[in-house]
Amino acid sequence: MPIIVNLDVMLAKRKMQSKELAERVGITLANLSILKTGKAKAVRFSTLESICKELNCQPGDILEFRMEDHT
């Protein structure tokens, strides 16, 4: 999938654990884990907004687009 989730990077930069972020954002740790591993099919803008507020970052700090190599 060409969308890369860099949530682990932002959590490390902010010295925050997944459990703490999940509690602050109001989502389950399981759902946060699905997002972190890139297995999520979608993310609500409201969830993304809450994550960005808690991590003091922009959506582009968390989500990245990479072209797939079809050779």
C-alpha atoms as a PDB file:
ATOM      1  CA  MET A   1       0.000   0.000   0.000  1.00  0.00           C
ATOM      2  CA  PRO A   2       1.495   3.360  -0.949  1.00  0.00           C
ATOM      3  CA  ILE A   3       0.257   5.129   2.223  1.00  0.00           C
ATOM      4  CA  ILE A   4       2.827   4.783   5.002  1.00  0.00           C
ATOM      5  CA  VAL A   5       1.812   5.457   8.620  1.00  0.00           C
ATOM      6  CA  ASN A   6       4.629   7.023  10.654  1.00  0.00           C
ATOM      7  CA  LEU A   7       2.769   7.080  13.948  1.00  0.00           C
ATOM      8  CA  ASP A   8       5.537   5.162  15.749  1.00  0.00           C
ATOM      9  CA  VAL A   9       8.022   7.860  14.744  1.00  0.00           C
ATOM     10  CA  MET A  10       5.847  10.640  16.145  1.00  0.00           C
ATOM     11  CA  LEU A  11       5.171   8.713  19.349  1.00  0.00           C
ATOM     12  CA  ALA A  12       8.915   8.237  19.847  1.00  0.00           C
ATOM     13  CA  LYS A  13       9.621  11.920  19.154  1.00  0.00           C
ATOM     14  CA  ARG A  14       7.010  12.921  21.734  1.00  0.00           C
ATOM     15  CA  LYS A  15       8.144  10.210  24.186  1.00  0.00           C
ATOM     16  CA  MET A  16       4.579   8.944  24.446  1.00  0.00           C
ATOM     17  CA  GLN A  17       3.352   5.369  24.645  1.00  0.00           C
ATOM     18  CA  SER A  18       0.565   4.028  22.452  1.00  0.00           C
ATOM     19  CA  LYS A  19      -1.617   3.360  25.486  1.00  0.00           C
ATOM     20  CA  GLU A  20      -1.432   6.994  26.585  1.00  0.00           C
ATOM     21  CA  LEU A  21      -2.265   8.290  23.100  1.00  0.00           C
ATOM     22  CA  ALA A  22      -5.192   5.874  22.755  1.00  0.00           C
ATOM     23  CA  GLU A  23      -6.621   7.057  26.084  1.00  0.00           C
ATOM     24  CA  ARG A  24      -6.197  10.737  25.208  1.00  0.00           C
ATOM     25  CA  VAL A  25      -7.731  10.325  21.748  1.00  0.00           C
ATOM     26  CA  GLY A  26     -10.552   8.072  22.924  1.00  0.00           C
ATOM     27  CA  ILE A  27      -9.892   5.023  20.768  1.00  0.00           C
ATOM     28  CA  THR A  28      -9.013   1.485  21.760  1.00  0.00           C
ATOM     29  CA  LEU A  29      -5.410   0.383  21.910  1.00  0.00           C
ATOM     30  CA  ALA A  30      -6.311  -2.333  19.380  1.00  0.00           C
ATOM     31  CA  ASN A  31      -7.587   0.245  16.863  1.00  0.00           C
ATOM     32  CA  LEU A  32      -4.518   2.423  17.396  1.00  0.00           C
ATOM     33  CA  SER A  33      -2.346  -0.628  16.777  1.00  0.00           C
ATOM     34  CA  ILE A  34      -4.177  -1.345  13.514  1.00  0.00           C
ATOM     35  CA  LEU A  35      -3.515   2.237  12.431  1.00  0.00           C
ATOM     36  CA  LYS A  36       0.145   2.113  13.511  1.00  0.00           C
ATOM     37  CA  THR A  37       0.832  -1.072  11.545  1.00  0.00           C
ATOM     38  CA  GLY A  38      -0.722   0.348   8.372  1.00  0.00           C
ATOM     39  CA  LYS A  39      -3.479  -2.278   8.332  1.00  0.00           C
ATOM     40  CA  ALA A  40      -6.290   0.274   8.644  1.00  0.00           C
ATOM     41  CA  LYS A  41      -8.395   0.744   5.529  1.00  0.00           C
ATOM     42  CA  ALA A  42      -9.482   4.230   6.590  1.00  0.00           C
ATOM     43  CA  VAL A  43      -9.108   6.794   9.342  1.00  0.00           C
ATOM     44  CA  ARG A  44     -11.717   9.316  10.400  1.00  0.00           C
ATOM     45  CA  PHE A  45     -10.681  12.938  10.064  1.00  0.00           C
ATOM     46  CA  SER A  46     -11.868  13.491  13.635  1.00  0.00           C
ATOM     47  CA  THR A  47      -9.514  10.740  14.853  1.00  0.00           C
ATOM     48  CA  LEU A  48      -6.645  12.131  12.788  1.00  0.00           C
ATOM     49  CA  GLU A  49      -7.368  15.600  14.163  1.00  0.00           C
ATOM     50  CA  SER A  50      -7.303  14.313  17.753  1.00  0.00           C
ATOM     51  CA  ILE A  51      -4.039  12.460  17.166  1.00  0.00           C
ATOM     52  CA  CYS A  52      -2.462  15.562  15.656  1.00  0.00           C
ATOM     53  CA  LYS A  53      -3.632  17.690  18.595  1.00  0.00           C
ATOM     54  CA  GLU A  54      -2.189  15.264  21.154  1.00  0.00           C
ATOM     55  CA  LEU A  55       1.110  14.844  19.298  1.00  0.00           C
ATOM     56  CA  ASN A  56       1.303  18.521  18.282  1.00  0.00           C
ATOM     57  CA  CYS A  57       1.934  17.637  14.651  1.00  0.00           C
ATOM     58  CA  GLN A  58       0.475  17.862  11.155  1.00  0.00           C
ATOM     59  CA  PRO A  59      -1.297  15.008   9.308  1.00  0.00           C
ATOM     60  CA  GLY A  60       1.676  14.873   6.930  1.00  0.00           C
ATOM     61  CA  ASP A  61       3.921  14.026   9.879  1.00  0.00           C
ATOM     62  CA  ILE A  62       1.892  10.842  10.375  1.00  0.00           C
ATOM     63  CA  LEU A  63       0.808   9.879   6.847  1.00  0.00           C
ATOM     64  CA  GLU A  64       3.139   9.597   3.880  1.00  0.00           C
ATOM     65  CA  PHE A  65       2.509   8.666   0.244  1.00  0.00           C
ATOM     66  CA  ARG A  66       5.051   6.540  -1.602  1.00  0.00           C
ATOM     67  CA  MET A  67       4.731   5.457  -5.203  1.00  0.00           C
ATOM     68  CA  GLU A  68       4.633   1.712  -5.672  1.00  0.00           C
ATOM     69  CA  ASP A  69       7.280   0.251  -7.921  1.00  0.00           C
ATOM     70  CA  HIS A  70       5.560  -1.857 -10.600  1.00  0.00           C
ATOM     71  CA  THR A  71       8.579  -3.323 -12.360  1.00  0.00           C
END
